[in-house]
């Protein structure tokens, strides 16, 4: 193959790899759940941590996708409103960089725990999230009080 043709093919492949991202690497949340999450948050970050930008753009899983699974029944149980928090990019990034603190705030729920029963520090107040989109005030959990 001539050098020029090889170079052209290489450039095309490089251009395609930059523009096409593999879809399998990012979990997709059903459109109905995304819409309900956006309605619950009203487009405002539900974490509201100190470096918050305010605009909710990332659906953050409380039980991380690596811990809870992405296939069949696990996928369905994973993409529910009680397991999702609508966050700004800054707050979402913080939860991944500070897992221990995030766990203490209920922003991360350990595998095997029920997000319906685990309160979350929601915009500065302790709340319980349900799968219908309700946010109910609750007492500070015992493990967070210690």
Protein backbone atom coordinates (compact mmCIF):
# COMPACT_ATOMS: atom_id res chain seq x y z
CA UNK A 1 0.00 0.00 0.00
CA UNK A 2 1.40 3.42 -0.90
CA UNK A 3 2.56 5.60 2.01
CA UNK A 4 0.01 8.33 1.23
CA UNK A 5 -2.93 5.87 1.28
CA UNK A 6 -1.71 4.33 4.55
CA UNK A 7 -1.43 7.80 6.08
CA UNK A 8 -4.95 8.73 4.94
CA UNK A 9 -6.41 5.54 6.45
CA UNK A 10 -4.53 6.15 9.70
CA UNK A 11 -5.87 9.73 9.90
CA UNK A 12 -9.43 8.57 9.25
CA UNK A 13 -9.21 5.91 11.97
CA UNK A 14 -7.77 8.41 14.44
CA UNK A 15 -10.51 10.92 13.65
CA UNK A 16 -13.23 8.27 14.14
CA UNK A 17 -11.78 7.11 17.45
CA UNK A 18 -11.87 10.70 18.74
CA UNK A 19 -15.47 11.31 17.68
CA UNK A 20 -17.10 7.96 18.51
CA UNK A 21 -17.24 6.96 22.14
CA UNK A 22 -18.19 3.44 23.06
CA UNK A 23 -21.75 3.41 24.37
CA UNK A 24 -21.22 0.29 26.49
CA UNK A 25 -18.97 2.14 28.92
CA UNK A 26 -21.68 4.54 30.08
CA UNK A 27 -24.84 3.19 31.65
CA UNK A 28 -28.06 4.55 30.22
CA UNK A 29 -30.91 5.46 32.51
CA UNK A 30 -34.39 5.01 30.98
CA UNK A 31 -35.91 8.24 29.66
CA UNK A 32 -38.90 8.02 32.02
CA UNK A 33 -36.61 7.78 35.06
CA UNK A 34 -34.44 10.65 33.77
CA UNK A 35 -37.55 12.80 33.32
CA UNK A 36 -38.78 11.99 36.85
CA UNK A 37 -35.32 12.78 38.25
CA UNK A 38 -35.27 16.14 36.46
CA UNK A 39 -38.77 16.90 37.75
CA UNK A 40 -37.76 16.06 41.33
CA UNK A 41 -34.62 18.23 41.19
CA UNK A 42 -36.17 21.03 39.13
CA UNK A 43 -32.76 21.26 37.44
CA UNK A 44 -30.99 22.20 40.68
CA UNK A 45 -28.22 20.06 42.18
CA UNK A 46 -29.64 17.84 44.92
CA UNK A 47 -26.28 17.49 46.70
CA UNK A 48 -25.49 21.20 47.15
CA UNK A 49 -21.97 20.61 48.48
CA UNK A 50 -19.60 23.55 49.12
CA UNK A 51 -18.17 23.66 45.55
CA UNK A 52 -21.62 23.21 43.95
CA UNK A 53 -22.28 24.91 40.62
CA UNK A 54 -26.05 24.62 41.13
CA UNK A 55 -27.04 23.19 37.74
CA UNK A 56 -28.02 19.50 37.89
CA UNK A 57 -26.56 17.74 34.86
CA UNK A 58 -25.39 14.33 36.15
CA UNK A 59 -27.58 11.51 37.46
CA UNK A 60 -25.44 10.02 40.25
CA UNK A 61 -26.08 6.47 41.45
CA UNK A 62 -26.02 6.06 45.22
CA UNK A 63 -25.15 2.36 44.83
CA UNK A 64 -22.41 2.62 42.26
CA UNK A 65 -22.89 0.74 39.02
CA UNK A 66 -19.81 -1.38 39.70
CA UNK A 67 -21.24 -2.45 43.06
CA UNK A 68 -24.84 -3.13 42.04
CA UNK A 69 -24.64 -4.51 38.53
CA UNK A 70 -25.84 -3.37 35.14
CA UNK A 71 -27.60 -6.41 33.69
CA UNK A 72 -31.12 -7.81 33.82
CA UNK A 73 -32.84 -7.47 37.22
CA UNK A 74 -29.90 -5.62 38.77
CA UNK A 75 -30.10 -2.98 36.03
CA UNK A 76 -33.83 -2.45 36.62
CA UNK A 77 -33.40 -2.21 40.40
CA UNK A 78 -30.41 0.09 39.95
CA UNK A 79 -32.08 2.77 37.83
CA UNK A 80 -34.74 3.86 40.33
CA UNK A 81 -35.28 7.30 41.84
CA UNK A 82 -34.33 6.24 45.38
CA UNK A 83 -30.91 5.25 44.02
CA UNK A 84 -30.33 8.42 41.97
CA UNK A 85 -29.38 11.95 42.88
CA UNK A 86 -29.38 14.72 40.28
CA UNK A 87 -26.11 16.57 40.73
CA UNK A 88 -23.85 19.16 39.22
CA UNK A 89 -20.61 17.88 37.74
CA UNK A 90 -18.55 19.25 40.65
CA UNK A 91 -20.61 17.53 43.36
CA UNK A 92 -20.74 14.26 41.41
CA UNK A 93 -16.96 14.31 40.98
CA UNK A 94 -16.54 14.97 44.71
CA UNK A 95 -18.59 11.89 45.69
CA UNK A 96 -16.23 9.70 43.67
CA UNK A 97 -13.12 11.32 45.13
CA UNK A 98 -14.39 11.22 48.75
CA UNK A 99 -16.22 7.88 49.16
CA UNK A 100 -16.00 7.72 52.96
CA UNK A 101 -17.46 11.20 53.46
CA UNK A 102 -20.06 10.53 50.74
CA UNK A 103 -21.11 7.34 52.50
CA UNK A 104 -21.57 9.27 55.75
CA UNK A 105 -23.88 11.67 53.95
CA UNK A 106 -25.88 8.90 52.27
CA UNK A 107 -24.73 10.07 48.84
CA UNK A 108 -23.20 6.62 48.40
CA UNK A 109 -25.00 3.53 49.65
CA UNK A 110 -23.01 0.35 50.16
CA UNK A 111 -23.97 -2.69 48.13
CA UNK A 112 -26.62 -4.72 49.93
CA UNK A 113 -28.19 -1.65 51.57
CA UNK A 114 -31.60 -0.39 50.56
CA UNK A 115 -31.56 3.21 49.26
CA UNK A 116 -35.25 3.50 50.20
CA UNK A 117 -34.28 3.10 53.88
CA UNK A 118 -31.01 5.05 53.84
CA UNK A 119 -31.37 8.81 54.44
CA UNK A 120 -29.37 11.21 52.31
CA UNK A 121 -28.10 14.69 53.07
CA UNK A 122 -30.28 16.35 50.45
CA UNK A 123 -29.47 20.05 49.92
CA UNK A 124 -28.29 20.28 53.52
CA UNK A 125 -31.19 18.41 55.21
CA UNK A 126 -31.68 14.72 55.95
CA UNK A 127 -34.25 13.17 53.62
CA UNK A 128 -35.54 9.82 52.45
CA UNK A 129 -35.97 9.36 48.71
CA UNK A 130 -38.61 7.08 47.24
CA UNK A 131 -39.13 5.62 43.78
CA UNK A 132 -42.12 7.89 43.04
CA UNK A 133 -40.08 11.09 43.24
CA UNK A 134 -40.94 12.14 46.79
CA UNK A 135 -38.39 13.61 49.18
CA UNK A 136 -39.44 13.14 52.81
CA UNK A 137 -37.80 14.86 55.81
CA UNK A 138 -36.29 12.46 58.33
CA UNK A 139 -34.05 12.43 61.38
CA UNK A 140 -30.29 12.29 61.11
CA UNK A 141 -29.28 8.62 60.91
CA UNK A 142 -27.48 7.17 63.93
CA UNK A 143 -24.30 6.32 62.01
CA UNK A 144 -24.06 9.95 60.78
CA UNK A 145 -24.69 11.33 64.26
CA UNK A 146 -21.64 9.55 65.69
